């Protein structure tokens, strides 16, 4: 999996707002490199919004040079299947940008991320934001909430890949 010097790009995919966070693991320390959003500005034009997401994520990758992409798995609520289909488009262009850059890609279920960071797989956003503030020593949660979600996804990947690395060293 990933070794020392791992730089993780966590992504909370969206067509209008895609949250991202890049964290470093070097010398046993974890630090937030940068966090923010990629905004889709084109209204009503799906292909233009997808290009904006792709270009924005590609720019983050080129600028910050992560080694791994951690992205939230797609889930669908039975009352809103169209939302899941649209999110699938956004995830697709994000994964394409990562694949073209040669990044290792891992997906995590939102319940897995919440369970790992809070001990509760159904934790509310407020509890997740408190966990993020605690992990990174922040006085207040990042805005918009998509940024905190991306930070949580990156942290989840960091902790799980670190466990996997440790387990392989112990065998």
N, C-alpha and C. Protein backbone atom coordinates (compact mmCIF):
# COMPACT_ATOMS: atom_id res chain seq x y z
N UNK A 1 0.84 -1.17 0.00
CA UNK A 1 0.00 0.00 0.00
C UNK A 1 0.88 1.23 0.00
N UNK A 2 0.58 2.24 0.80
CA UNK A 2 1.36 3.47 0.82
C UNK A 2 2.34 3.47 1.97
N UNK A 3 3.50 4.00 1.75
CA UNK A 3 4.52 4.01 2.78
C UNK A 3 4.74 5.40 3.34
N UNK A 4 5.90 5.59 3.96
CA UNK A 4 6.24 6.89 4.52
C UNK A 4 6.27 7.95 3.42
N UNK A 5 5.99 9.17 3.79
CA UNK A 5 5.97 10.24 2.80
C UNK A 5 4.70 10.27 1.99
N UNK A 6 3.71 9.53 2.42
CA UNK A 6 2.43 9.48 1.72
C UNK A 6 1.75 10.85 1.79
N UNK A 7 1.23 11.30 0.67
CA UNK A 7 0.44 12.53 0.59
C UNK A 7 -0.92 12.15 0.05
N UNK A 8 -1.95 12.37 0.86
CA UNK A 8 -3.30 11.92 0.53
C UNK A 8 -4.18 13.09 0.13
N UNK A 9 -4.88 12.93 -0.98
CA UNK A 9 -5.90 13.87 -1.42
C UNK A 9 -7.25 13.24 -1.09
N UNK A 10 -7.97 13.84 -0.15
CA UNK A 10 -9.32 13.40 0.18
C UNK A 10 -10.31 14.24 -0.60
N UNK A 11 -11.32 13.58 -1.18
CA UNK A 11 -12.30 14.28 -2.01
C UNK A 11 -13.71 13.95 -1.55
N UNK A 12 -14.52 15.00 -1.35
CA UNK A 12 -15.95 14.87 -1.15
C UNK A 12 -16.59 15.34 -2.45
N UNK A 13 -16.98 14.39 -3.32
CA UNK A 13 -17.39 14.76 -4.67
C UNK A 13 -18.74 15.48 -4.72
N UNK A 14 -18.84 16.42 -5.64
CA UNK A 14 -20.10 17.12 -5.90
C UNK A 14 -20.03 17.83 -7.23
N UNK A 15 -21.19 18.09 -7.81
CA UNK A 15 -21.21 18.81 -9.08
C UNK A 15 -21.09 20.32 -8.87
N UNK A 16 -21.69 20.82 -7.79
CA UNK A 16 -21.61 22.25 -7.52
C UNK A 16 -20.40 22.59 -6.65
N UNK A 17 -20.19 21.79 -5.60
CA UNK A 17 -19.06 21.99 -4.71
C UNK A 17 -18.38 20.65 -4.44
N UNK A 18 -17.13 20.55 -4.81
CA UNK A 18 -16.31 19.38 -4.50
C UNK A 18 -15.30 19.81 -3.44
N UNK A 19 -15.41 19.21 -2.26
CA UNK A 19 -14.45 19.52 -1.21
C UNK A 19 -13.18 18.71 -1.40
N UNK A 20 -12.04 19.31 -1.09
CA UNK A 20 -10.78 18.57 -1.16
C UNK A 20 -9.91 18.92 0.04
N UNK A 21 -9.07 17.98 0.41
CA UNK A 21 -8.09 18.21 1.47
C UNK A 21 -6.88 17.35 1.18
N UNK A 22 -5.70 17.93 1.31
CA UNK A 22 -4.46 17.21 1.12
C UNK A 22 -3.73 17.17 2.46
N UNK A 23 -3.40 15.94 2.88
CA UNK A 23 -2.66 15.77 4.12
C UNK A 23 -1.38 15.00 3.82
N UNK A 24 -0.36 15.29 4.61
CA UNK A 24 0.95 14.64 4.49
C UNK A 24 1.18 13.75 5.69
N UNK A 25 1.85 12.65 5.44
CA UNK A 25 2.36 11.83 6.54
C UNK A 25 3.85 11.69 6.30
N UNK A 26 4.62 12.33 7.16
CA UNK A 26 6.07 12.25 7.03
C UNK A 26 6.68 12.29 8.42
N UNK A 27 7.59 11.40 8.67
CA UNK A 27 8.27 11.37 9.97
C UNK A 27 7.33 11.11 11.14
N UNK A 28 6.28 10.35 10.90
CA UNK A 28 5.34 10.03 11.97
C UNK A 28 4.37 11.15 12.30
N UNK A 29 4.49 12.28 11.63
CA UNK A 29 3.60 13.41 11.89
C UNK A 29 2.60 13.57 10.74
N UNK A 30 1.42 14.04 11.11
CA UNK A 30 0.36 14.27 10.14
C UNK A 30 0.11 15.77 10.05
N UNK A 31 0.05 16.31 8.83
CA UNK A 31 -0.23 17.74 8.72
C UNK A 31 -1.15 18.01 7.54
N UNK A 32 -1.96 19.03 7.71
CA UNK A 32 -2.85 19.49 6.65
C UNK A 32 -2.03 20.40 5.73
N UNK A 33 -1.96 20.02 4.45
CA UNK A 33 -1.21 20.81 3.48
C UNK A 33 -2.09 21.92 2.92
N UNK A 34 -3.30 21.54 2.49
CA UNK A 34 -4.24 22.52 1.93
C UNK A 34 -5.62 21.88 1.90
N UNK A 35 -6.64 22.71 2.04
CA UNK A 35 -8.02 22.25 1.94
C UNK A 35 -8.83 23.36 1.31
N UNK A 36 -9.84 22.97 0.55
CA UNK A 36 -10.68 23.97 -0.12
C UNK A 36 -11.76 23.32 -0.93
N UNK A 37 -12.26 24.06 -1.90
CA UNK A 37 -13.32 23.54 -2.76
C UNK A 37 -13.02 23.83 -4.22
N UNK A 38 -13.54 22.96 -5.06
CA UNK A 38 -13.60 23.18 -6.50
C UNK A 38 -15.07 23.44 -6.79
N UNK A 39 -15.37 24.57 -7.39
CA UNK A 39 -16.77 24.92 -7.65
C UNK A 39 -17.11 24.75 -9.12
N UNK A 40 -18.27 24.13 -9.35
CA UNK A 40 -18.84 24.05 -10.70
C UNK A 40 -19.71 25.28 -10.89
N UNK A 41 -19.35 26.12 -11.83
CA UNK A 41 -20.07 27.39 -12.00
C UNK A 41 -21.14 27.34 -13.07
N UNK A 42 -21.01 26.42 -14.02
CA UNK A 42 -21.95 26.35 -15.13
C UNK A 42 -23.27 25.76 -14.64
N UNK A 43 -24.32 26.52 -14.72
CA UNK A 43 -25.64 26.05 -14.27
C UNK A 43 -26.38 25.42 -15.45
N UNK A 44 -26.98 24.27 -15.18
CA UNK A 44 -27.82 23.63 -16.19
C UNK A 44 -27.06 22.93 -17.30
N UNK A 45 -25.75 22.98 -17.30
CA UNK A 45 -24.98 22.35 -18.35
C UNK A 45 -24.08 21.29 -17.70
N UNK A 46 -24.55 20.04 -17.69
CA UNK A 46 -23.84 18.98 -17.00
C UNK A 46 -22.42 18.78 -17.51
N UNK A 47 -22.25 18.74 -18.83
CA UNK A 47 -20.91 18.47 -19.36
C UNK A 47 -19.94 19.61 -19.01
N UNK A 48 -20.40 20.85 -19.00
CA UNK A 48 -19.53 21.97 -18.63
C UNK A 48 -19.16 21.88 -17.15
N UNK A 49 -20.11 21.52 -16.29
CA UNK A 49 -19.81 21.38 -14.86
C UNK A 49 -18.83 20.24 -14.62
N UNK A 50 -19.00 19.14 -15.34
CA UNK A 50 -18.07 18.01 -15.18
C UNK A 50 -16.66 18.42 -15.61
N UNK A 51 -16.55 19.19 -16.67
CA UNK A 51 -15.24 19.67 -17.11
C UNK A 51 -14.62 20.57 -16.04
N UNK A 52 -15.43 21.42 -15.40
CA UNK A 52 -14.92 22.30 -14.34
C UNK A 52 -14.41 21.48 -13.15
N UNK A 53 -15.15 20.44 -12.79
CA UNK A 53 -14.72 19.57 -11.69
C UNK A 53 -13.42 18.86 -12.07
N UNK A 54 -13.38 18.28 -13.27
CA UNK A 54 -12.19 17.59 -13.75
C UNK A 54 -10.99 18.53 -13.77
N UNK A 55 -11.16 19.72 -14.35
CA UNK A 55 -10.05 20.67 -14.45
C UNK A 55 -9.59 21.12 -13.06
N UNK A 56 -10.55 21.38 -12.17
CA UNK A 56 -10.20 21.83 -10.82
C UNK A 56 -9.44 20.77 -10.04
N UNK A 57 -9.90 19.53 -10.10
CA UNK A 57 -9.23 18.44 -9.39
C UNK A 57 -7.87 18.17 -10.03
N UNK A 58 -7.81 18.21 -11.35
CA UNK A 58 -6.52 18.02 -12.04
C UNK A 58 -5.52 19.08 -11.61
N UNK A 59 -5.98 20.32 -11.43
CA UNK A 59 -5.11 21.40 -11.00
C UNK A 59 -4.61 21.17 -9.57
N UNK A 60 -5.49 20.72 -8.68
CA UNK A 60 -5.09 20.40 -7.31
C UNK A 60 -4.03 19.31 -7.32
N UNK A 61 -4.24 18.28 -8.14
CA UNK A 61 -3.28 17.17 -8.22
C UNK A 61 -1.93 17.66 -8.76
N UNK A 62 -1.96 18.46 -9.81
CA UNK A 62 -0.71 18.96 -10.41
C UNK A 62 0.04 19.88 -9.45
N UNK A 63 -0.69 20.68 -8.70
CA UNK A 63 -0.07 21.65 -7.80
C UNK A 63 0.45 21.00 -6.52
N UNK A 64 -0.35 20.12 -5.91
CA UNK A 64 -0.02 19.59 -4.58
C UNK A 64 0.62 18.20 -4.61
N UNK A 65 0.59 17.55 -5.76
CA UNK A 65 1.28 16.28 -5.99
C UNK A 65 1.01 15.19 -4.95
N UNK A 66 -0.27 14.85 -4.76
CA UNK A 66 -0.57 13.73 -3.83
C UNK A 66 -0.14 12.40 -4.45
N UNK A 67 0.02 11.40 -3.59
CA UNK A 67 0.34 10.05 -4.05
C UNK A 67 -0.91 9.18 -4.10
N UNK A 68 -1.91 9.53 -3.27
CA UNK A 68 -3.12 8.73 -3.14
C UNK A 68 -4.35 9.62 -3.22
N UNK A 69 -5.43 9.06 -3.78
CA UNK A 69 -6.73 9.71 -3.76
C UNK A 69 -7.66 8.86 -2.91
N UNK A 70 -8.30 9.49 -1.94
CA UNK A 70 -9.34 8.84 -1.13
C UNK A 70 -10.64 9.57 -1.44
N UNK A 71 -11.66 8.82 -1.81
CA UNK A 71 -12.91 9.42 -2.23
C UNK A 71 -14.08 8.68 -1.59
N UNK A 72 -15.12 9.43 -1.30
CA UNK A 72 -16.29 8.82 -0.69
C UNK A 72 -17.01 7.95 -1.72
N UNK A 73 -17.44 6.76 -1.28
CA UNK A 73 -18.20 5.86 -2.15
C UNK A 73 -19.55 6.49 -2.47
N UNK A 74 -20.05 6.10 -3.59
CA UNK A 74 -21.36 6.55 -4.02
C UNK A 74 -22.43 5.78 -3.26
N UNK A 75 -23.42 6.48 -2.78
CA UNK A 75 -24.56 5.81 -2.17
C UNK A 75 -25.82 6.46 -2.71
N UNK A 76 -26.89 5.72 -2.70
CA UNK A 76 -28.12 6.20 -3.28
C UNK A 76 -29.26 6.09 -2.28
N UNK A 77 -30.00 7.15 -2.17
CA UNK A 77 -31.21 7.12 -1.37
C UNK A 77 -32.34 6.75 -2.31
N UNK A 78 -33.17 5.83 -1.91
CA UNK A 78 -34.19 5.31 -2.82
C UNK A 78 -35.16 6.39 -3.30
N UNK A 79 -35.29 7.48 -2.56
CA UNK A 79 -36.19 8.55 -2.98
C UNK A 79 -35.54 9.50 -3.99
N UNK A 80 -34.21 9.43 -4.13
CA UNK A 80 -33.52 10.36 -5.03
C UNK A 80 -32.47 9.65 -5.89
N UNK A 81 -32.90 8.73 -6.74
CA UNK A 81 -31.90 8.01 -7.56
C UNK A 81 -31.18 8.92 -8.55
N UNK A 82 -31.82 9.99 -9.01
CA UNK A 82 -31.18 10.90 -9.97
C UNK A 82 -29.95 11.56 -9.35
N UNK A 83 -30.03 11.90 -8.06
CA UNK A 83 -28.89 12.50 -7.37
C UNK A 83 -27.68 11.56 -7.42
N UNK A 84 -27.93 10.27 -7.18
CA UNK A 84 -26.83 9.30 -7.21
C UNK A 84 -26.22 9.21 -8.61
N UNK A 85 -27.05 9.27 -9.62
CA UNK A 85 -26.55 9.20 -11.00
C UNK A 85 -25.68 10.42 -11.29
N UNK A 86 -26.14 11.60 -10.89
CA UNK A 86 -25.35 12.82 -11.12
C UNK A 86 -24.04 12.78 -10.35
N UNK A 87 -24.09 12.28 -9.10
CA UNK A 87 -22.87 12.17 -8.30
C UNK A 87 -21.90 11.18 -8.94
N UNK A 88 -22.45 10.14 -9.55
CA UNK A 88 -21.61 9.17 -10.25
C UNK A 88 -20.80 9.82 -11.37
N UNK A 89 -21.43 10.77 -12.06
CA UNK A 89 -20.70 11.52 -13.10
C UNK A 89 -19.52 12.28 -12.48
N UNK A 90 -19.78 12.98 -11.37
CA UNK A 90 -18.71 13.76 -10.72
C UNK A 90 -17.59 12.83 -10.24
N UNK A 91 -17.96 11.73 -9.59
CA UNK A 91 -16.95 10.77 -9.12
C UNK A 91 -16.12 10.25 -10.29
N UNK A 92 -16.79 10.01 -11.42
CA UNK A 92 -16.10 9.47 -12.60
C UNK A 92 -15.00 10.40 -13.10
N UNK A 93 -15.30 11.69 -13.21
CA UNK A 93 -14.27 12.60 -13.73
C UNK A 93 -13.16 12.82 -12.69
N UNK A 94 -13.51 12.74 -11.41
CA UNK A 94 -12.49 12.86 -10.35
C UNK A 94 -11.54 11.66 -10.40
N UNK A 95 -12.12 10.48 -10.53
CA UNK A 95 -11.28 9.26 -10.62
C UNK A 95 -10.44 9.27 -11.89
N UNK A 96 -10.99 9.78 -12.98
CA UNK A 96 -10.23 9.90 -14.23
C UNK A 96 -9.02 10.82 -14.04
N UNK A 97 -9.23 11.97 -13.40
CA UNK A 97 -8.12 12.90 -13.16
C UNK A 97 -7.04 12.22 -12.32
N UNK A 98 -7.45 11.47 -11.30
CA UNK A 98 -6.48 10.78 -10.44
C UNK A 98 -5.76 9.68 -11.20
N UNK A 99 -6.48 8.92 -11.99
CA UNK A 99 -5.88 7.83 -12.76
C UNK A 99 -4.88 8.37 -13.77
N UNK A 100 -5.24 9.45 -14.44
CA UNK A 100 -4.32 10.05 -15.42
C UNK A 100 -3.03 10.54 -14.76
N UNK A 101 -3.13 10.93 -13.49
CA UNK A 101 -1.94 11.41 -12.76
C UNK A 101 -1.19 10.27 -12.09
N UNK A 102 -1.69 9.04 -12.20
CA UNK A 102 -1.00 7.89 -11.63
C UNK A 102 -1.19 7.71 -10.13
N UNK A 103 -2.25 8.28 -9.58
CA UNK A 103 -2.51 8.15 -8.15
C UNK A 103 -3.14 6.80 -7.83
N UNK A 104 -2.86 6.31 -6.63
CA UNK A 104 -3.55 5.15 -6.08
C UNK A 104 -4.92 5.65 -5.62
N UNK A 105 -5.99 4.93 -5.96
CA UNK A 105 -7.35 5.38 -5.67
C UNK A 105 -8.04 4.39 -4.73
N UNK A 106 -8.64 4.92 -3.65
CA UNK A 106 -9.41 4.10 -2.69
C UNK A 106 -10.72 4.80 -2.39
N UNK A 107 -11.78 4.00 -2.29
CA UNK A 107 -13.11 4.51 -1.95
C UNK A 107 -13.49 4.05 -0.56
N UNK A 108 -14.20 4.91 0.16
CA UNK A 108 -14.65 4.60 1.51
C UNK A 108 -16.13 4.96 1.67
N UNK A 109 -16.87 4.08 2.33
CA UNK A 109 -18.28 4.36 2.63
C UNK A 109 -18.36 5.44 3.70
N UNK A 110 -19.36 6.28 3.61
CA UNK A 110 -19.50 7.35 4.61
C UNK A 110 -19.64 6.77 6.02
N UNK A 111 -20.30 5.64 6.15
CA UNK A 111 -20.44 5.02 7.48
C UNK A 111 -19.10 4.56 8.02
N UNK A 112 -18.21 4.08 7.13
CA UNK A 112 -16.88 3.64 7.54
C UNK A 112 -16.05 4.84 8.02
N UNK A 113 -16.15 5.95 7.31
CA UNK A 113 -15.41 7.16 7.67
C UNK A 113 -15.89 7.67 9.03
N UNK A 114 -17.20 7.73 9.20
CA UNK A 114 -17.78 8.22 10.46
C UNK A 114 -17.41 7.31 11.63
N UNK A 115 -17.49 6.01 11.41
CA UNK A 115 -17.17 5.05 12.47
C UNK A 115 -15.71 5.19 12.90
N UNK A 116 -14.83 5.31 11.95
CA UNK A 116 -13.40 5.41 12.25
C UNK A 116 -13.06 6.67 13.05
N UNK A 117 -13.66 7.79 12.66
CA UNK A 117 -13.29 9.06 13.28
C UNK A 117 -14.08 9.39 14.55
N UNK A 118 -15.29 8.83 14.70
CA UNK A 118 -16.12 9.19 15.86
C UNK A 118 -16.54 7.99 16.70
N UNK A 119 -16.39 6.78 16.16
CA UNK A 119 -16.90 5.60 16.85
C UNK A 119 -18.37 5.36 16.58
N UNK A 120 -18.98 6.21 15.74
CA UNK A 120 -20.39 6.11 15.41
C UNK A 120 -20.56 6.20 13.90
N UNK A 121 -20.99 5.09 13.27
CA UNK A 121 -21.16 5.05 11.82
C UNK A 121 -22.28 5.93 11.30
N UNK A 122 -23.10 6.45 12.20
CA UNK A 122 -24.20 7.35 11.81
C UNK A 122 -24.04 8.73 12.46
N UNK A 123 -22.81 9.10 12.73
CA UNK A 123 -22.53 10.38 13.39
C UNK A 123 -23.09 11.55 12.58
N UNK A 124 -23.68 12.52 13.27
CA UNK A 124 -24.16 13.72 12.57
C UNK A 124 -22.98 14.59 12.13
N UNK A 125 -23.24 15.50 11.20
CA UNK A 125 -22.19 16.39 10.69
C UNK A 125 -21.47 17.14 11.81
N UNK A 126 -22.22 17.58 12.82
CA UNK A 126 -21.61 18.35 13.91
C UNK A 126 -20.57 17.52 14.65
N UNK A 127 -20.84 16.23 14.85
CA UNK A 127 -19.88 15.36 15.53
C UNK A 127 -18.64 15.14 14.66
N UNK A 128 -18.85 14.97 13.35
CA UNK A 128 -17.72 14.81 12.43
C UNK A 128 -16.85 16.07 12.42
N UNK A 129 -17.50 17.24 12.42
CA UNK A 129 -16.75 18.48 12.41
C UNK A 129 -15.93 18.64 13.68
N UNK A 130 -16.49 18.24 14.83
CA UNK A 130 -15.72 18.29 16.09
C UNK A 130 -14.51 17.37 16.01
N UNK A 131 -14.70 16.18 15.42
CA UNK A 131 -13.58 15.23 15.28
C UNK A 131 -12.48 15.82 14.40
N UNK A 132 -12.86 16.47 13.32
CA UNK A 132 -11.88 17.10 12.41
C UNK A 132 -11.14 18.21 13.14
N UNK A 133 -11.88 19.04 13.87
CA UNK A 133 -11.23 20.13 14.65
C UNK A 133 -10.23 19.55 15.63
N UNK A 134 -10.61 18.48 16.30
CA UNK A 134 -9.72 17.84 17.28
C UNK A 134 -8.46 17.28 16.59
N UNK A 135 -8.65 16.55 15.50
CA UNK A 135 -7.52 15.92 14.79
C UNK A 135 -6.50 16.94 14.29
N UNK A 136 -6.99 18.08 13.81
CA UNK A 136 -6.09 19.06 13.20
C UNK A 136 -5.84 20.29 14.07
N UNK A 137 -6.40 20.29 15.30
CA UNK A 137 -6.19 21.42 16.20
C UNK A 137 -6.80 22.71 15.69
N UNK A 138 -7.96 22.61 15.06
CA UNK A 138 -8.63 23.80 14.52
C UNK A 138 -9.57 24.40 15.56
N UNK A 139 -9.66 25.73 15.59
CA UNK A 139 -10.55 26.41 16.53
C UNK A 139 -12.01 26.30 16.09
N UNK A 140 -12.22 26.24 14.77
CA UNK A 140 -13.59 26.16 14.23
C UNK A 140 -13.58 25.24 13.01
N UNK A 141 -14.72 24.61 12.73
CA UNK A 141 -14.78 23.73 11.56
C UNK A 141 -14.58 24.51 10.27
N UNK A 142 -13.94 23.89 9.28
CA UNK A 142 -13.77 24.57 7.99
C UNK A 142 -15.12 24.78 7.30
N UNK A 143 -15.20 25.83 6.53
CA UNK A 143 -16.40 26.12 5.74
C UNK A 143 -16.03 26.11 4.27
N UNK A 144 -16.92 25.64 3.39
CA UNK A 144 -18.18 24.96 3.68
C UNK A 144 -17.94 23.56 4.25
N UNK A 145 -19.00 22.89 4.72
CA UNK A 145 -18.86 21.56 5.33
C UNK A 145 -18.20 20.52 4.42
N UNK A 146 -18.25 20.73 3.11
CA UNK A 146 -17.63 19.80 2.15
C UNK A 146 -16.13 19.68 2.41
N UNK A 147 -15.51 20.75 2.92
CA UNK A 147 -14.07 20.74 3.21
C UNK A 147 -13.79 19.80 4.39
N UNK A 148 -14.60 19.91 5.45
CA UNK A 148 -14.44 19.01 6.60
C UNK A 148 -14.66 17.56 6.19
N UNK A 149 -15.63 17.32 5.30
CA UNK A 149 -15.88 15.97 4.81
C UNK A 149 -14.66 15.43 4.05
N UNK A 150 -14.05 16.27 3.23
CA UNK A 150 -12.86 15.85 2.48
C UNK A 150 -11.71 15.55 3.44
N UNK A 151 -11.58 16.36 4.49
CA UNK A 151 -10.54 16.12 5.49
C UNK A 151 -10.77 14.79 6.19
N UNK A 152 -12.04 14.48 6.49
CA UNK A 152 -12.38 13.22 7.14
C UNK A 152 -12.04 12.03 6.24
N UNK A 153 -12.30 12.16 4.95
CA UNK A 153 -12.02 11.08 4.00
C UNK A 153 -10.51 10.85 3.91
N UNK A 154 -9.73 11.94 3.85
CA UNK A 154 -8.27 11.82 3.81
C UNK A 154 -7.75 11.17 5.09
N UNK A 155 -8.29 11.57 6.24
CA UNK A 155 -7.87 10.98 7.51
C UNK A 155 -8.19 9.50 7.57
N UNK A 156 -9.36 9.13 7.10
CA UNK A 156 -9.76 7.72 7.08
C UNK A 156 -8.74 6.91 6.29
N UNK A 157 -8.38 7.41 5.12
CA UNK A 157 -7.40 6.70 4.29
C UNK A 157 -6.05 6.63 5.01
N UNK A 158 -5.65 7.74 5.62
CA UNK A 158 -4.38 7.76 6.35
C UNK A 158 -4.36 6.68 7.43
N UNK A 159 -5.40 6.64 8.25
CA UNK A 159 -5.43 5.68 9.35
C UNK A 159 -5.51 4.23 8.85
N UNK A 160 -6.35 3.98 7.86
CA UNK A 160 -6.51 2.60 7.38
C UNK A 160 -5.28 2.12 6.61
N UNK A 161 -4.65 3.00 5.82
CA UNK A 161 -3.44 2.56 5.10
C UNK A 161 -2.28 2.41 6.07
N UNK A 162 -2.26 3.21 7.13
CA UNK A 162 -1.22 3.08 8.14
C UNK A 162 -1.37 1.75 8.88
N UNK A 163 -2.61 1.36 9.19
CA UNK A 163 -2.86 0.07 9.84
C UNK A 163 -2.41 -1.07 8.93
N UNK A 164 -2.73 -0.95 7.64
CA UNK A 164 -2.35 -1.99 6.68
C UNK A 164 -0.83 -2.08 6.59
N UNK A 165 -0.16 -0.92 6.55
CA UNK A 165 1.31 -0.91 6.48
C UNK A 165 1.91 -1.56 7.72
N UNK A 166 1.36 -1.22 8.89
CA UNK A 166 1.85 -1.80 10.14
C UNK A 166 1.60 -3.31 10.19
N UNK A 167 0.42 -3.73 9.72
CA UNK A 167 0.08 -5.16 9.74
C UNK A 167 1.03 -5.94 8.83
N UNK A 168 1.36 -5.37 7.66
CA UNK A 168 2.28 -6.08 6.75
C UNK A 168 3.70 -6.12 7.33
N UNK A 169 4.07 -5.13 8.12
CA UNK A 169 5.39 -5.14 8.74
C UNK A 169 5.46 -6.20 9.86
N UNK A 170 4.34 -6.48 10.49
CA UNK A 170 4.30 -7.42 11.60
C UNK A 170 4.18 -8.88 11.13
N UNK A 171 4.01 -9.10 9.84
CA UNK A 171 3.87 -10.49 9.36
C UNK A 171 5.12 -10.96 8.67
